[in-house]
C-alpha atoms as a PDB file:
ATOM      1  CA  MET A   1      66.822 125.613 263.753  1.00  0.00           C
ATOM      2  CA  LYS A   2      64.090 123.361 262.406  1.00  0.00           C
ATOM      3  CA  GLN A   3      64.973 119.820 261.294  1.00  0.00           C
ATOM      4  CA  GLU A   4      64.891 120.827 257.592  1.00  0.00           C
ATOM      5  CA  GLU A   5      67.224 123.745 258.277  1.00  0.00           C
ATOM      6  CA  ARG A   6      69.596 121.497 260.240  1.00  0.00           C
ATOM      7  CA  ASN A   7      69.661 119.090 257.311  1.00  0.00           C
ATOM      8  CA  ILE A   8      70.574 121.886 254.907  1.00  0.00           C
ATOM      9  CA  SER A   9      73.258 123.114 257.322  1.00  0.00           C
ATOM     10  CA  ALA A  10      74.742 119.598 257.219  1.00  0.00           C
ATOM     11  CA  ALA A  11      74.468 119.714 253.428  1.00  0.00           C
ATOM     12  CA  PHE A  12      77.052 122.503 253.407  1.00  0.00           C
ATOM     13  CA  TYR A  13      79.613 119.765 254.147  1.00  0.00           C
ATOM     14  CA  ILE A  14      78.298 116.538 252.603  1.00  0.00           C
ATOM     15  CA  PRO A  15      78.876 115.979 248.859  1.00  0.00           C
ATOM     16  CA  PHE A  16      75.654 115.948 246.797  1.00  0.00           C
ATOM     17  CA  ALA A  17      73.497 116.818 249.824  1.00  0.00           C
ATOM     18  CA  TYR A  18      73.412 120.521 248.956  1.00  0.00           C
ATOM     19  CA  LEU A  19      72.578 119.677 245.335  1.00  0.00           C
ATOM     20  CA  TYR A  20      69.556 117.641 246.397  1.00  0.00           C
ATOM     21  CA  SER A  21      68.390 119.683 249.411  1.00  0.00           C
ATOM     22  CA  VAL A  22      68.660 123.120 247.842  1.00  0.00           C
ATOM     23  CA  ARG A  23      68.872 122.798 244.070  1.00  0.00           C
ATOM     24  CA  LEU A  24      66.818 119.732 243.125  1.00  0.00           C
ATOM     25  CA  ARG A  25      64.462 119.155 246.080  1.00  0.00           C
ATOM     26  CA  SER A  26      62.617 116.200 244.513  1.00  0.00           C
ATOM     27  CA  ILE A  27      63.195 112.603 243.389  1.00  0.00           C
ATOM     28  CA  THR A  28      61.916 113.466 239.907  1.00  0.00           C
ATOM     29  CA  LYS A  29      64.538 116.174 239.443  1.00  0.00           C
ATOM     30  CA  LEU A  30      67.204 113.877 240.889  1.00  0.00           C
ATOM     31  CA  LEU A  31      66.369 111.198 238.324  1.00  0.00           C
ATOM     32  CA  SER A  32      66.502 113.836 235.585  1.00  0.00           C
ATOM     33  CA  TRP A  33      69.922 114.951 236.859  1.00  0.00           C
ATOM     34  CA  LEU A  34      71.180 111.368 236.758  1.00  0.00           C
ATOM     35  CA  LEU A  35      70.056 111.059 233.150  1.00  0.00           C
ATOM     36  CA  LEU A  36      71.411 114.425 232.027  1.00  0.00           C
ATOM     37  CA  TYR A  37      74.714 114.339 233.922  1.00  0.00           C
ATOM     38  CA  ILE A  38      75.668 110.838 234.992  1.00  0.00           C
ATOM     39  CA  LEU A  39      74.661 109.151 231.716  1.00  0.00           C
ATOM     40  CA  PRO A  40      76.796 111.266 229.330  1.00  0.00           C
ATOM     41  CA  THR A  41      79.788 111.640 231.666  1.00  0.00           C
ATOM     42  CA  ALA A  42      79.886 107.906 232.479  1.00  0.00           C
ATOM     43  CA  PHE A  43      79.341 106.888 228.861  1.00  0.00           C
ATOM     44  CA  TYR A  44      81.870 109.170 227.194  1.00  0.00           C
ATOM     45  CA  SER A  45      84.539 108.818 229.883  1.00  0.00           C
ATOM     46  CA  SER A  46      84.305 105.006 229.559  1.00  0.00           C
ATOM     47  CA  MET A  47      85.045 105.152 225.835  1.00  0.00           C
ATOM     48  CA  GLY A  48      88.681 104.284 225.341  1.00  0.00           C
ATOM     49  CA  TYR A  49      89.104 103.066 228.914  1.00  0.00           C
ATOM     50  CA  THR A  50      91.126  99.844 228.868  1.00  0.00           C
ATOM     51  CA  GLY A  51      90.816  98.673 232.482  1.00  0.00           C
ATOM     52  CA  ASP A  52      88.147  96.458 234.005  1.00  0.00           C
ATOM     53  CA  ALA A  53      84.634  97.666 234.822  1.00  0.00           C
ATOM     54  CA  TRP A  54      85.099  97.728 238.602  1.00  0.00           C
ATOM     55  CA  SER A  55      88.257  99.815 238.304  1.00  0.00           C
ATOM     56  CA  PHE A  56      86.463 102.275 236.036  1.00  0.00           C
ATOM     57  CA  ALA A  57      83.467 102.483 238.394  1.00  0.00           C
ATOM     58  CA  LEU A  58      85.723 103.290 241.348  1.00  0.00           C
ATOM     59  CA  GLN A  59      87.709 105.916 239.460  1.00  0.00           C
ATOM     60  CA  TYR A  60      84.577 107.464 237.967  1.00  0.00           C
ATOM     61  CA  THR A  61      83.040 107.704 241.442  1.00  0.00           C
ATOM     62  CA  LEU A  62      86.130 109.426 242.845  1.00  0.00           C
ATOM     63  CA  VAL A  63      86.160 111.945 239.977  1.00  0.00           C
ATOM     64  CA  LEU A  64      82.424 112.491 240.470  1.00  0.00           C
ATOM     65  CA  ILE A  65      82.821 113.183 244.188  1.00  0.00           C
ATOM     66  CA  ALA A  66      85.784 115.519 243.646  1.00  0.00           C
ATOM     67  CA  THR A  67      84.079 117.385 240.799  1.00  0.00           C
ATOM     68  CA  PHE A  68      80.706 117.904 242.393  1.00  0.00           C
ATOM     69  CA  THR A  69      82.048 118.607 245.860  1.00  0.00           C
ATOM     70  CA  LEU A  70      83.816 121.611 244.326  1.00  0.00           C
ATOM     71  CA  TYR A  71      80.968 122.517 241.962  1.00  0.00           C
ATOM     72  CA  GLU A  72      78.549 122.544 244.898  1.00  0.00           C
ATOM     73  CA  THR A  73      80.910 125.007 246.560  1.00  0.00           C
ATOM     74  CA  GLY A  74      80.199 127.328 243.631  1.00  0.00           C
ATOM     75  CA  TYR A  75      76.482 126.801 244.220  1.00  0.00           C
ATOM     76  CA  ILE A  76      76.902 127.668 247.892  1.00  0.00           C
ATOM     77  CA  PHE A  77      78.798 130.868 247.178  1.00  0.00           C
ATOM     78  CA  ASN A  78      76.230 131.732 244.506  1.00  0.00           C
ATOM     79  CA  ASP A  79      73.325 131.299 246.942  1.00  0.00           C
ATOM     80  CA  THR A  80      74.958 133.269 249.765  1.00  0.00           C
ATOM     81  CA  LEU A  81      77.404 135.822 248.380  1.00  0.00           C
ATOM     82  CA  ALA A  82      76.718 136.344 244.672  1.00  0.00           C
ATOM     83  CA  ILE A  83      72.999 137.027 245.164  1.00  0.00           C
ATOM     84  CA  ARG A  84      73.942 140.156 247.119  1.00  0.00           C
ATOM     85  CA  ARG A  85      74.927 141.733 243.829  1.00  0.00           C
ATOM     86  CA  GLU A  86      71.605 140.914 242.145  1.00  0.00           C
ATOM     87  CA  GLU A  87      68.672 143.270 241.970  1.00  0.00           C
ATOM     88  CA  HIS A  88      66.113 140.436 242.054  1.00  0.00           C
ATOM     89  CA  PRO A  89      67.947 137.413 243.524  1.00  0.00           C
ATOM     90  CA  SER A  90      66.615 133.860 243.768  1.00  0.00           C
ATOM     91  CA  LEU A  91      66.546 133.170 247.506  1.00  0.00           C
ATOM     92  CA  ARG A  92      67.124 129.453 248.072  1.00  0.00           C
ATOM     93  CA  LEU A  93      68.212 129.581 251.722  1.00  0.00           C
ATOM     94  CA  THR A  94      66.552 130.888 254.846  1.00  0.00           C
ATOM     95  CA  GLU A  95      68.085 133.680 256.901  1.00  0.00           C
ATOM     96  CA  ASP A  96      69.265 131.151 259.517  1.00  0.00           C
ATOM     97  CA  GLN A  97      70.925 128.960 256.887  1.00  0.00           C
ATOM     98  CA  THR A  98      72.630 131.968 255.322  1.00  0.00           C
ATOM     99  CA  ALA A  99      73.801 133.130 258.750  1.00  0.00           C
ATOM    100  CA  TYR A 100      75.168 129.625 259.398  1.00  0.00           C
ATOM    101  CA  PHE A 101      77.193 129.787 256.213  1.00  0.00           C
ATOM    102  CA  PHE A 102      78.760 133.141 257.075  1.00  0.00           C
ATOM    103  CA  ALA A 103      79.610 131.887 260.568  1.00  0.00           C
ATOM    104  CA  HIS A 104      81.258 128.704 259.253  1.00  0.00           C
ATOM    105  CA  ARG A 105      82.257 129.484 255.666  1.00  0.00           C
ATOM    106  CA  TRP A 106      85.976 128.792 256.094  1.00  0.00           C
ATOM    107  CA  THR A 107      85.265 125.442 257.739  1.00  0.00           C
ATOM    108  CA  ILE A 108      82.831 124.585 254.950  1.00  0.00           C
ATOM    109  CA  LEU A 109      85.371 125.554 252.289  1.00  0.00           C
ATOM    110  CA  ALA A 110      88.202 123.664 253.997  1.00  0.00           C
ATOM    111  CA  THR A 111      86.063 120.538 254.368  1.00  0.00           C
ATOM    112  CA  ARG A 112      85.113 120.515 250.721  1.00  0.00           C
ATOM    113  CA  LEU A 113      88.665 121.156 249.547  1.00  0.00           C
ATOM    114  CA  PHE A 114      89.855 118.301 251.773  1.00  0.00           C
ATOM    115  CA  ILE A 115      87.283 115.878 250.322  1.00  0.00           C
ATOM    116  CA  ALA A 116      88.276 116.760 246.754  1.00  0.00           C
ATOM    117  CA  ALA A 117      91.982 116.499 247.599  1.00  0.00           C
ATOM    118  CA  ALA A 118      91.425 113.106 249.244  1.00  0.00           C
ATOM    119  CA  CYS A 119      89.754 111.812 246.079  1.00  0.00           C
ATOM    120  CA  LEU A 120      92.684 113.050 243.988  1.00  0.00           C
ATOM    121  CA  GLY A 121      95.085 111.447 246.465  1.00  0.00           C
ATOM    122  CA  ILE A 122      93.413 108.052 246.086  1.00  0.00           C
ATOM    123  CA  LEU A 123      93.411 108.398 242.292  1.00  0.00           C
ATOM    124  CA  SER A 124      97.132 109.206 242.363  1.00  0.00           C
ATOM    125  CA  THR A 125      97.833 105.698 243.685  1.00  0.00           C
ATOM    126  CA  VAL A 126      96.565 104.110 240.469  1.00  0.00           C
ATOM    127  CA  HIS A 127      97.328 106.795 237.868  1.00  0.00           C
ATOM    128  CA  HIS A 128     100.479 108.453 236.613  1.00  0.00           C
ATOM    129  CA  THR A 129     101.302 112.034 237.530  1.00  0.00           C
ATOM    130  CA  SER A 130     100.250 113.566 234.195  1.00  0.00           C
ATOM    131  CA  TYR A 131      96.711 112.221 234.658  1.00  0.00           C
ATOM    132  CA  ILE A 132      96.395 113.800 238.099  1.00  0.00           C
ATOM    133  CA  VAL A 133      97.833 117.073 236.771  1.00  0.00           C
ATOM    134  CA  HIS A 134      95.300 117.189 233.925  1.00  0.00           C
ATOM    135  CA  LEU A 135      92.426 116.302 236.242  1.00  0.00           C
ATOM    136  CA  SER A 136      93.497 118.872 238.831  1.00  0.00           C
ATOM    137  CA  LEU A 137      93.868 121.544 236.147  1.00  0.00           C
ATOM    138  CA  SER A 138      90.351 120.851 234.836  1.00  0.00           C
ATOM    139  CA  LEU A 139      88.975 121.206 238.371  1.00  0.00           C
ATOM    140  CA  VAL A 140      90.856 124.459 238.928  1.00  0.00           C
ATOM    141  CA  ILE A 141      89.502 125.846 235.645  1.00  0.00           C
ATOM    142  CA  MET A 142      85.994 124.846 236.757  1.00  0.00           C
ATOM    143  CA  LEU A 143      86.417 126.727 240.043  1.00  0.00           C
ATOM    144  CA  VAL A 144      87.805 129.799 238.275  1.00  0.00           C
ATOM    145  CA  LEU A 145      84.852 129.829 235.861  1.00  0.00           C
ATOM    146  CA  PHE A 146      82.386 129.547 238.749  1.00  0.00           C
ATOM    147  CA  ALA A 147      84.169 132.345 240.626  1.00  0.00           C
ATOM    148  CA  LEU A 148      83.970 134.556 237.531  1.00  0.00           C
ATOM    149  CA  TYR A 149      80.314 133.657 237.028  1.00  0.00           C
ATOM    150  CA  ASN A 150      79.465 134.482 240.639  1.00  0.00           C
ATOM    151  CA  ARG A 151      81.346 137.757 240.411  1.00  0.00           C
ATOM    152  CA  TRP A 152      80.005 138.816 236.996  1.00  0.00           C
ATOM    153  CA  ARG A 153      76.349 139.475 237.862  1.00  0.00           C
ATOM    154  CA  ASN A 154      74.738 141.035 234.824  1.00  0.00           C
ATOM    155  CA  ARG A 155      72.969 139.883 231.678  1.00  0.00           C
ATOM    156  CA  TYR A 156      76.267 139.318 229.869  1.00  0.00           C
ATOM    157  CA  ASN A 157      77.345 136.464 232.135  1.00  0.00           C
ATOM    158  CA  VAL A 158      75.009 134.266 230.092  1.00  0.00           C
ATOM    159  CA  PHE A 159      77.892 133.966 227.609  1.00  0.00           C
ATOM    160  CA  LEU A 160      79.991 132.332 230.335  1.00  0.00           C
ATOM    161  CA  TYR A 161      77.280 129.979 231.564  1.00  0.00           C
ATOM    162  CA  VAL A 162      77.597 127.315 228.864  1.00  0.00           C
ATOM    163  CA  TRP A 163      81.333 126.955 229.552  1.00  0.00           C
ATOM    164  CA  LEU A 164      80.718 126.811 233.275  1.00  0.00           C
ATOM    165  CA  VAL A 165      78.290 123.927 232.789  1.00  0.00           C
ATOM    166  CA  PHE A 166      80.662 122.174 230.381  1.00  0.00           C
ATOM    167  CA  SER A 167      83.514 122.522 232.885  1.00  0.00           C
ATOM    168  CA  ARG A 168      81.783 120.069 235.236  1.00  0.00           C
ATOM    169  CA  PHE A 169      81.652 117.480 232.429  1.00  0.00           C
ATOM    170  CA  VAL A 170      85.265 117.732 231.269  1.00  0.00           C
ATOM    171  CA  PRO A 171      87.113 116.233 234.298  1.00  0.00           C
ATOM    172  CA  PHE A 172      85.692 112.779 233.569  1.00  0.00           C
ATOM    173  CA  MET A 173      87.367 112.722 230.168  1.00  0.00           C
ATOM    174  CA  CYS A 174      90.723 112.464 231.924  1.00  0.00           C
ATOM    175  CA  LEU A 175      89.956 108.805 232.710  1.00  0.00           C
ATOM    176  CA  ALA A 176      91.035 107.779 229.192  1.00  0.00           C
ATOM    177  CA  GLY A 177      92.359 109.224 225.967  1.00  0.00           C
ATOM    178  CA  HIS A 178      89.712 110.974 223.869  1.00  0.00           C
ATOM    179  CA  GLY A 179      89.588 112.753 220.536  1.00  0.00           C
ATOM    180  CA  ALA A 180      88.004 116.091 219.756  1.00  0.00           C
ATOM    181  CA  PHE A 181      84.802 114.439 218.481  1.00  0.00           C
ATOM    182  CA  ASP A 182      84.196 112.825 221.886  1.00  0.00           C
ATOM    183  CA  TYR A 183      84.360 116.245 223.535  1.00  0.00           C
ATOM    184  CA  ILE A 184      81.967 117.654 220.942  1.00  0.00           C
ATOM    185  CA  LEU A 185      79.434 114.906 221.639  1.00  0.00           C
ATOM    186  CA  LEU A 186      79.774 115.482 225.379  1.00  0.00           C
ATOM    187  CA  PHE A 187      79.197 119.200 224.803  1.00  0.00           C
ATOM    188  CA  VAL A 188      76.134 118.537 222.653  1.00  0.00           C
ATOM    189  CA  SER A 189      74.683 115.993 225.109  1.00  0.00           C
ATOM    190  CA  TYR A 190      73.613 118.701 227.572  1.00  0.00           C
ATOM    191  CA  PRO A 191      75.866 121.777 228.109  1.00  0.00           C
ATOM    192  CA  LEU A 192      75.035 123.325 224.725  1.00  0.00           C
ATOM    193  CA  LEU A 193      71.301 122.828 225.274  1.00  0.00           C
ATOM    194  CA  ILE A 194      71.212 124.436 228.721  1.00  0.00           C
ATOM    195  CA  GLY A 195      73.499 127.202 227.482  1.00  0.00           C
ATOM    196  CA  LEU A 196      71.073 128.053 224.669  1.00  0.00           C
ATOM    197  CA  GLU A 197      68.129 127.921 227.071  1.00  0.00           C
ATOM    198  CA  ARG A 198      69.858 130.432 229.309  1.00  0.00           C
ATOM    199  CA  PHE A 199      69.571 133.067 226.576  1.00  0.00           C
ATOM    200  CA  SER A 200      65.780 132.767 226.746  1.00  0.00           C
ATOM    201  CA  MET A 201      65.431 133.566 230.465  1.00  0.00           C
ATOM    202  CA  PRO A 202      63.536 136.797 231.271  1.00  0.00           C
ATOM    203  CA  SER A 203      66.658 138.220 232.944  1.00  0.00           C
ATOM    204  CA  TYR A 204      68.611 137.864 229.683  1.00  0.00           C
ATOM    205  CA  ARG A 205      66.189 137.436 226.758  1.00  0.00           C
ATOM    206  CA  TRP A 206      68.723 137.544 223.943  1.00  0.00           C
ATOM    207  CA  GLY A 207      67.488 137.696 220.344  1.00  0.00           C
ATOM    208  CA  LEU A 208      66.291 134.535 218.661  1.00  0.00           C
ATOM    209  CA  MET A 209      66.276 132.356 221.804  1.00  0.00           C
ATOM    210  CA  GLY A 210      63.737 134.634 223.431  1.00  0.00           C
ATOM    211  CA  LYS A 211      61.426 133.971 220.479  1.00  0.00           C
ATOM    212  CA  LEU A 212      62.084 130.218 220.361  1.00  0.00           C
ATOM    213  CA  ILE A 213      61.462 129.836 224.099  1.00  0.00           C
ATOM    214  CA  PRO A 214      59.076 132.652 225.077  1.00  0.00           C
ATOM    215  CA  ASP A 215      57.745 130.835 228.162  1.00  0.00           C
ATOM    216  CA  GLU A 216      58.210 127.720 230.316  1.00  0.00           C
ATOM    217  CA  PRO A 217      55.849 125.408 228.330  1.00  0.00           C
ATOM    218  CA  SER A 218      57.829 126.044 225.150  1.00  0.00           C
ATOM    219  CA  LYS A 219      60.980 124.609 226.762  1.00  0.00           C
ATOM    220  CA  ALA A 220      59.696 121.041 226.352  1.00  0.00           C
ATOM    221  CA  ARG A 221      59.222 121.588 222.602  1.00  0.00           C
ATOM    222  CA  PHE A 222      62.639 123.203 222.259  1.00  0.00           C
ATOM    223  CA  ARG A 223      64.399 120.395 224.139  1.00  0.00           C
ATOM    224  CA  ALA A 224      62.794 117.670 222.047  1.00  0.00           C
ATOM    225  CA  ALA A 225      63.567 119.570 218.833  1.00  0.00           C
ATOM    226  CA  TYR A 226      67.168 120.154 219.956  1.00  0.00           C
ATOM    227  CA  TYR A 227      67.982 116.464 220.376  1.00  0.00           C
ATOM    228  CA  CYS A 228      66.155 115.468 217.212  1.00  0.00           C
ATOM    229  CA  LEU A 229      68.079 118.099 215.237  1.00  0.00           C
ATOM    230  CA  ALA A 230      71.346 116.951 216.842  1.00  0.00           C
ATOM    231  CA  LEU A 231      70.683 113.404 215.611  1.00  0.00           C
ATOM    232  CA  VAL A 232      69.668 114.638 212.158  1.00  0.00           C
ATOM    233  CA  ILE A 233      73.070 116.319 211.883  1.00  0.00           C
ATOM    234  CA  LEU A 234      75.249 113.753 213.672  1.00  0.00           C
ATOM    235  CA  VAL A 235      73.925 110.506 212.177  1.00  0.00           C
ATOM    236  CA  PRO A 236      74.707 111.441 208.536  1.00  0.00           C
ATOM    237  CA  TYR A 237      78.046 112.889 209.633  1.00  0.00           C
ATOM    238  CA  CYS A 238      79.050 109.641 211.337  1.00  0.00           C
ATOM    239  CA  LEU A 239      77.925 107.536 208.391  1.00  0.00           C
ATOM    240  CA  CYS A 240      79.698 109.708 205.833  1.00  0.00           C
ATOM    241  CA  SER A 241      82.917 109.840 207.865  1.00  0.00           C
ATOM    242  CA  GLY A 242      82.984 106.102 208.510  1.00  0.00           C
ATOM    243  CA  ARG A 243      82.319 106.476 212.245  1.00  0.00           C
ATOM    244  CA  THR A 244      80.170 104.086 214.242  1.00  0.00           C
ATOM    245  CA  LEU A 245      76.835 105.362 215.575  1.00  0.00           C
ATOM    246  CA  TYR A 246      77.546 103.919 219.018  1.00  0.00           C
ATOM    247  CA  PRO A 247      78.884 107.231 220.469  1.00  0.00           C
ATOM    248  CA  LEU A 248      75.502 108.827 219.737  1.00  0.00           C
ATOM    249  CA  THR A 249      73.773 106.540 222.265  1.00  0.00           C
ATOM    250  CA  PRO A 250      73.403 109.121 225.096  1.00  0.00           C
ATOM    251  CA  ILE A 251      72.053 111.743 222.693  1.00  0.00           C
ATOM    252  CA  ALA A 252      69.560 109.219 221.283  1.00  0.00           C
ATOM    253  CA  ILE A 253      68.432 108.256 224.797  1.00  0.00           C
ATOM    254  CA  LEU A 254      68.002 111.903 225.736  1.00  0.00           C
ATOM    255  CA  ALA A 255      66.047 112.516 222.521  1.00  0.00           C
ATOM    256  CA  VAL A 256      63.601 109.749 223.468  1.00  0.00           C
ATOM    257  CA  TYR A 257      63.416 111.119 227.014  1.00  0.00           C
ATOM    258  CA  ARG A 258      62.610 114.642 225.822  1.00  0.00           C
ATOM    259  CA  ILE A 259      60.033 113.433 223.297  1.00  0.00           C
ATOM    260  CA  LEU A 260      58.278 111.382 225.997  1.00  0.00           C
ATOM    261  CA  ARG A 261      58.317 114.368 228.351  1.00  0.00           C
ATOM    262  CA  LEU A 262      56.805 116.540 225.614  1.00  0.00           C
ATOM    263  CA  LEU A 263      54.068 114.006 224.877  1.00  0.00           C
ATOM    264  CA  ASN A 264      53.352 113.610 228.578  1.00  0.00           C
ATOM    265  CA  ASN A 265      52.958 117.384 228.995  1.00  0.00           C
ATOM    266  CA  LYS A 266      50.519 117.505 226.103  1.00  0.00           C
ATOM    267  CA  SER A 267      48.445 114.698 227.627  1.00  0.00           C
ATOM    268  CA  ILE A 268      47.943 116.519 230.919  1.00  0.00           C
END
């Protein structure tokens, strides 16, 4: 195999390597991923955490590795097995890389399960049993949702997609106690947006979303409008209910990010 193909073969085993090598493929997209995923999960999971910053950073990192090691497994099975049930699949791997997966899939799966289990094992030394049970359950639910999504290959699986995306955000909330409003803000920060966008894809094209986002350029406008509208709704709600505006920080940052991206696209 060529060097690039060998690197992707190694990425079948190494956490985050498959995400970057196959799904993102550029520093720009990696930075966007950090902003859209790491920012809200780190911010909202830290709310209510009573330990020191270094302890939180270590525990967050372990949850991140466990979560995305398993979520990447869903990506891998999507790119190798699920696409066989699609009429017009998105081919992200070469024939040699796909053949490598089928020759080593049980080793790949076992390696990734071991990494996730090791992270949970380390976390169990500093957390009580109920925490580990809740975290493990959230990871199992995430895997079940990805398995259903990979199996359910038709235009109706778009209804499952938003919950699949949200499932990779939820495990971090086990780091501390959180109320329902914290989960709502986490949901609004990104999963709801990408879930709505999914309805506009040519393969699905459901109702209103197909009109709001008829093509790729219109996505920038929709994303900026989404975060602005979210703030228009959430700021008055927080003020009227006596809540601080601090929890809206990630959404405000993402609103600025999307507005700048929109302005930059218009200037090109």
